[in-house]
Amino acid sequence: MRSLDDIFDEYDFLDGDDRYRLLIELGRTLEPMPDALKTAATLVRGCSASVWVYPVPQGDGRLHFLADSNAAITKGIVALVLSAVQDRPAAAVAAMDIAAALAPFDLTRQLSSNRTQGVPNMIALVQETARRIADG
């Protein structure tokens, strides 16, 4: 998965339609999530599209997430959120200000509120999982 800084360098260079294309392409790079994991328990509440996020704790205390969405741009937003936290130590993710890390993308200005309304819930789910794993 590309780093958030690397993605922003490209995103910042692009205009509206190309930014949409970049988000769609990011979504395509997500690891496939088995359909069996797409359940009510992994569904992120508050998203206009269906979004599923499943944590896969690694033995070394790092977090790894599988995720998917039924909407291409939303899936790209999920990939963007995950690029900030993927494979980092759970304690670091729990302490991280993910919203601040995503702020340079100014998603609320670039995308409709329907597409971004679930982002805080995705962030909350990721951080809640990180705290639970970091605390043992």
C-alpha atoms as a PDB file:
ATOM      1  CA  MET A   1       0.000   0.000   0.000  1.00  0.00           C
ATOM      2  CA  ARG A   2       1.292   3.458  -0.898  1.00  0.00           C
ATOM      3  CA  SER A   3       2.125   5.939   1.837  1.00  0.00           C
ATOM      4  CA  LEU A   4      -0.288   8.756   2.561  1.00  0.00           C
ATOM      5  CA  ASP A   5       2.416  11.306   1.643  1.00  0.00           C
ATOM      6  CA  ASP A   6       3.005   9.634  -1.714  1.00  0.00           C
ATOM      7  CA  ILE A   7      -0.723   9.603  -2.453  1.00  0.00           C
ATOM      8  CA  PHE A   8      -1.070  13.260  -1.453  1.00  0.00           C
ATOM      9  CA  ASP A   9       1.792  14.313  -3.732  1.00  0.00           C
ATOM     10  CA  GLU A  10      -0.144  12.898  -6.680  1.00  0.00           C
ATOM     11  CA  TYR A  11      -3.572  14.026  -5.423  1.00  0.00           C
ATOM     12  CA  ASP A  12      -2.407  17.617  -4.902  1.00  0.00           C
ATOM     13  CA  PHE A  13      -1.175  17.778  -8.485  1.00  0.00           C
ATOM     14  CA  LEU A  14      -4.526  16.683  -9.958  1.00  0.00           C
ATOM     15  CA  ASP A  15      -7.826  18.470 -10.549  1.00  0.00           C
ATOM     16  CA  GLY A  16     -11.370  17.285  -9.714  1.00  0.00           C
ATOM     17  CA  ASP A  17     -12.067  14.485 -12.194  1.00  0.00           C
ATOM     18  CA  ASP A  18      -8.531  13.143 -12.001  1.00  0.00           C
ATOM     19  CA  ARG A  19      -8.786  13.117  -8.202  1.00  0.00           C
ATOM     20  CA  TYR A  20     -11.884  10.924  -8.523  1.00  0.00           C
ATOM     21  CA  ARG A  21      -9.953   8.597 -10.821  1.00  0.00           C
ATOM     22  CA  LEU A  22      -7.081   8.432  -8.338  1.00  0.00           C
ATOM     23  CA  LEU A  23      -9.468   7.507  -5.511  1.00  0.00           C
ATOM     24  CA  ILE A  24     -11.073   4.816  -7.672  1.00  0.00           C
ATOM     25  CA  GLU A  25      -7.641   3.439  -8.521  1.00  0.00           C
ATOM     26  CA  LEU A  26      -6.677   3.405  -4.829  1.00  0.00           C
ATOM     27  CA  GLY A  27      -9.794   1.389  -4.089  1.00  0.00           C
ATOM     28  CA  ARG A  28      -8.783  -1.157  -6.687  1.00  0.00           C
ATOM     29  CA  THR A  29      -5.476  -1.706  -4.887  1.00  0.00           C
ATOM     30  CA  LEU A  30      -7.142  -2.901  -1.686  1.00  0.00           C
ATOM     31  CA  GLU A  31      -6.530  -6.510  -0.785  1.00  0.00           C
ATOM     32  CA  PRO A  32      -9.582  -8.597  -1.656  1.00  0.00           C
ATOM     33  CA  MET A  33     -11.926  -9.062   1.282  1.00  0.00           C
ATOM     34  CA  PRO A  34     -13.668 -12.439   1.347  1.00  0.00           C
ATOM     35  CA  ASP A  35     -17.452 -12.163   1.115  1.00  0.00           C
ATOM     36  CA  ALA A  36     -17.747 -14.236   4.308  1.00  0.00           C
ATOM     37  CA  LEU A  37     -16.244 -11.289   6.231  1.00  0.00           C
ATOM     38  CA  LYS A  38     -18.814  -8.826   4.890  1.00  0.00           C
ATOM     39  CA  THR A  39     -21.253  -9.101   7.758  1.00  0.00           C
ATOM     40  CA  ALA A  40     -23.270  -6.793   9.991  1.00  0.00           C
ATOM     41  CA  ALA A  41     -20.398  -6.971  12.499  1.00  0.00           C
ATOM     42  CA  THR A  42     -17.870  -5.575  10.002  1.00  0.00           C
ATOM     43  CA  LEU A  43     -20.216  -3.027   8.400  1.00  0.00           C
ATOM     44  CA  VAL A  44     -19.267   0.590   9.124  1.00  0.00           C
ATOM     45  CA  ARG A  45     -22.356   2.458  10.259  1.00  0.00           C
ATOM     46  CA  GLY A  46     -23.249   5.871   8.853  1.00  0.00           C
ATOM     47  CA  CYS A  47     -21.813   5.427   5.371  1.00  0.00           C
ATOM     48  CA  SER A  48     -24.062   6.117   2.386  1.00  0.00           C
ATOM     49  CA  ALA A  49     -22.513   3.129   0.603  1.00  0.00           C
ATOM     50  CA  SER A  50     -21.834  -0.213   2.226  1.00  0.00           C
ATOM     51  CA  VAL A  51     -18.367  -0.293   3.783  1.00  0.00           C
ATOM     52  CA  TRP A  52     -16.854  -3.245   5.585  1.00  0.00           C
ATOM     53  CA  VAL A  53     -13.652  -3.125   7.629  1.00  0.00           C
ATOM     54  CA  TYR A  54     -12.134  -6.215   9.232  1.00  0.00           C
ATOM     55  CA  PRO A  55      -9.053  -5.996  11.461  1.00  0.00           C
ATOM     56  CA  VAL A  56      -6.395  -8.676  11.143  1.00  0.00           C
ATOM     57  CA  PRO A  57      -4.013  -8.250  14.102  1.00  0.00           C
ATOM     58  CA  GLN A  58      -0.513  -9.354  13.331  1.00  0.00           C
ATOM     59  CA  GLY A  59       1.566 -11.304  15.852  1.00  0.00           C
ATOM     60  CA  ASP A  60       3.984  -8.412  16.252  1.00  0.00           C
ATOM     61  CA  GLY A  61       1.319  -5.967  17.503  1.00  0.00           C
ATOM     62  CA  ARG A  62       0.786  -4.326  14.140  1.00  0.00           C
ATOM     63  CA  LEU A  63      -2.638  -3.831  12.649  1.00  0.00           C
ATOM     64  CA  HIS A  64      -3.675  -4.948   9.220  1.00  0.00           C
ATOM     65  CA  PHE A  65      -7.137  -4.322   7.808  1.00  0.00           C
ATOM     66  CA  LEU A  66      -9.165  -5.878   5.060  1.00  0.00           C
ATOM     67  CA  ALA A  67     -11.824  -3.562   3.676  1.00  0.00           C
ATOM     68  CA  ASP A  68     -14.286  -3.219   0.849  1.00  0.00           C
ATOM     69  CA  SER A  69     -17.162  -1.092  -0.363  1.00  0.00           C
ATOM     70  CA  ASN A  70     -19.876  -1.499  -2.946  1.00  0.00           C
ATOM     71  CA  ALA A  71     -19.115   1.985  -4.365  1.00  0.00           C
ATOM     72  CA  ALA A  72     -15.883   2.714  -6.251  1.00  0.00           C
ATOM     73  CA  ILE A  73     -15.141   6.198  -4.890  1.00  0.00           C
ATOM     74  CA  THR A  74     -16.078   5.179  -1.347  1.00  0.00           C
ATOM     75  CA  LYS A  75     -13.747   2.205  -1.668  1.00  0.00           C
ATOM     76  CA  GLY A  76     -11.005   4.675  -2.620  1.00  0.00           C
ATOM     77  CA  ILE A  77     -11.744   6.751   0.476  1.00  0.00           C
ATOM     78  CA  VAL A  78     -11.483   3.584   2.573  1.00  0.00           C
ATOM     79  CA  ALA A  79      -8.110   2.866   0.939  1.00  0.00           C
ATOM     80  CA  LEU A  80      -7.006   6.407   1.763  1.00  0.00           C
ATOM     81  CA  VAL A  81      -7.949   5.984   5.441  1.00  0.00           C
ATOM     82  CA  LEU A  82      -6.184   2.627   5.590  1.00  0.00           C
ATOM     83  CA  SER A  83      -3.039   4.004   3.977  1.00  0.00           C
ATOM     84  CA  ALA A  84      -2.634   6.167   7.091  1.00  0.00           C
ATOM     85  CA  VAL A  85      -2.718   3.179   9.463  1.00  0.00           C
ATOM     86  CA  GLN A  86      -2.049  -0.058   7.609  1.00  0.00           C
ATOM     87  CA  ASP A  87       0.570  -2.319   9.212  1.00  0.00           C
ATOM     88  CA  ARG A  88       1.470   0.183  11.921  1.00  0.00           C
ATOM     89  CA  PRO A  89       1.751  -0.726  15.608  1.00  0.00           C
ATOM     90  CA  ALA A  90      -1.645  -0.761  17.319  1.00  0.00           C
ATOM     91  CA  ALA A  91      -0.448   1.678  20.011  1.00  0.00           C
ATOM     92  CA  ALA A  92       0.689   4.164  17.363  1.00  0.00           C
ATOM     93  CA  VAL A  93      -2.634   3.940  15.536  1.00  0.00           C
ATOM     94  CA  ALA A  94      -4.557   4.395  18.793  1.00  0.00           C
ATOM     95  CA  ALA A  95      -2.617   7.603  19.510  1.00  0.00           C
ATOM     96  CA  MET A  96      -2.675   8.919  15.937  1.00  0.00           C
ATOM     97  CA  ASP A  97      -4.815  11.839  14.774  1.00  0.00           C
ATOM     98  CA  ILE A  98      -6.036  10.163  11.609  1.00  0.00           C
ATOM     99  CA  ALA A  99      -8.395  13.021  10.726  1.00  0.00           C
ATOM    100  CA  ALA A 100      -5.455  15.441  10.820  1.00  0.00           C
ATOM    101  CA  ALA A 101      -3.409  13.101   8.623  1.00  0.00           C
ATOM    102  CA  LEU A 102      -6.241  13.142   6.066  1.00  0.00           C
ATOM    103  CA  ALA A 103      -6.923  16.901   6.363  1.00  0.00           C
ATOM    104  CA  PRO A 104      -4.611  17.928   3.479  1.00  0.00           C
ATOM    105  CA  PHE A 105      -6.863  15.975   1.104  1.00  0.00           C
ATOM    106  CA  ASP A 106      -9.770  18.278   2.066  1.00  0.00           C
ATOM    107  CA  LEU A 107     -12.212  15.504   1.219  1.00  0.00           C
ATOM    108  CA  THR A 108     -15.272  17.402   2.466  1.00  0.00           C
ATOM    109  CA  ARG A 109     -14.579  20.113  -0.091  1.00  0.00           C
ATOM    110  CA  GLN A 110     -13.648  17.748  -2.910  1.00  0.00           C
ATOM    111  CA  LEU A 111     -16.461  15.208  -2.521  1.00  0.00           C
ATOM    112  CA  SER A 112     -20.144  15.293  -1.685  1.00  0.00           C
ATOM    113  CA  SER A 113     -21.158  15.020   1.956  1.00  0.00           C
ATOM    114  CA  ASN A 114     -22.797  11.664   1.148  1.00  0.00           C
ATOM    115  CA  ARG A 115     -19.420  10.241   0.161  1.00  0.00           C
ATOM    116  CA  THR A 116     -17.548  11.563   3.203  1.00  0.00           C
ATOM    117  CA  GLN A 117     -20.144  11.231   5.959  1.00  0.00           C
ATOM    118  CA  GLY A 118     -18.877   7.806   7.018  1.00  0.00           C
ATOM    119  CA  VAL A 119     -15.204   8.795   7.269  1.00  0.00           C
ATOM    120  CA  PRO A 120     -15.393   9.690  10.998  1.00  0.00           C
ATOM    121  CA  ASN A 121     -17.030   6.312  11.659  1.00  0.00           C
ATOM    122  CA  MET A 122     -14.280   4.500   9.736  1.00  0.00           C
ATOM    123  CA  ILE A 123     -11.662   6.365  11.734  1.00  0.00           C
ATOM    124  CA  ALA A 124     -13.456   5.597  15.014  1.00  0.00           C
ATOM    125  CA  LEU A 125     -13.667   1.883  14.167  1.00  0.00           C
ATOM    126  CA  VAL A 126      -9.964   1.726  13.254  1.00  0.00           C
ATOM    127  CA  GLN A 127      -8.912   3.534  16.425  1.00  0.00           C
ATOM    128  CA  GLU A 128     -11.231   1.536  18.674  1.00  0.00           C
ATOM    129  CA  THR A 129      -9.719  -1.654  17.263  1.00  0.00           C
ATOM    130  CA  ALA A 130      -6.212  -0.273  17.738  1.00  0.00           C
ATOM    131  CA  ARG A 131      -6.914   0.678  21.374  1.00  0.00           C
ATOM    132  CA  ARG A 132      -8.410  -2.717  22.129  1.00  0.00           C
ATOM    133  CA  ILE A 133      -5.375  -4.518  20.685  1.00  0.00           C
ATOM    134  CA  ALA A 134      -2.830  -2.126  22.217  1.00  0.00           C
ATOM    135  CA  ASP A 135      -4.415  -2.590  25.665  1.00  0.00           C
ATOM    136  CA  GLY A 136      -4.267  -6.357  25.289  1.00  0.00           C
END
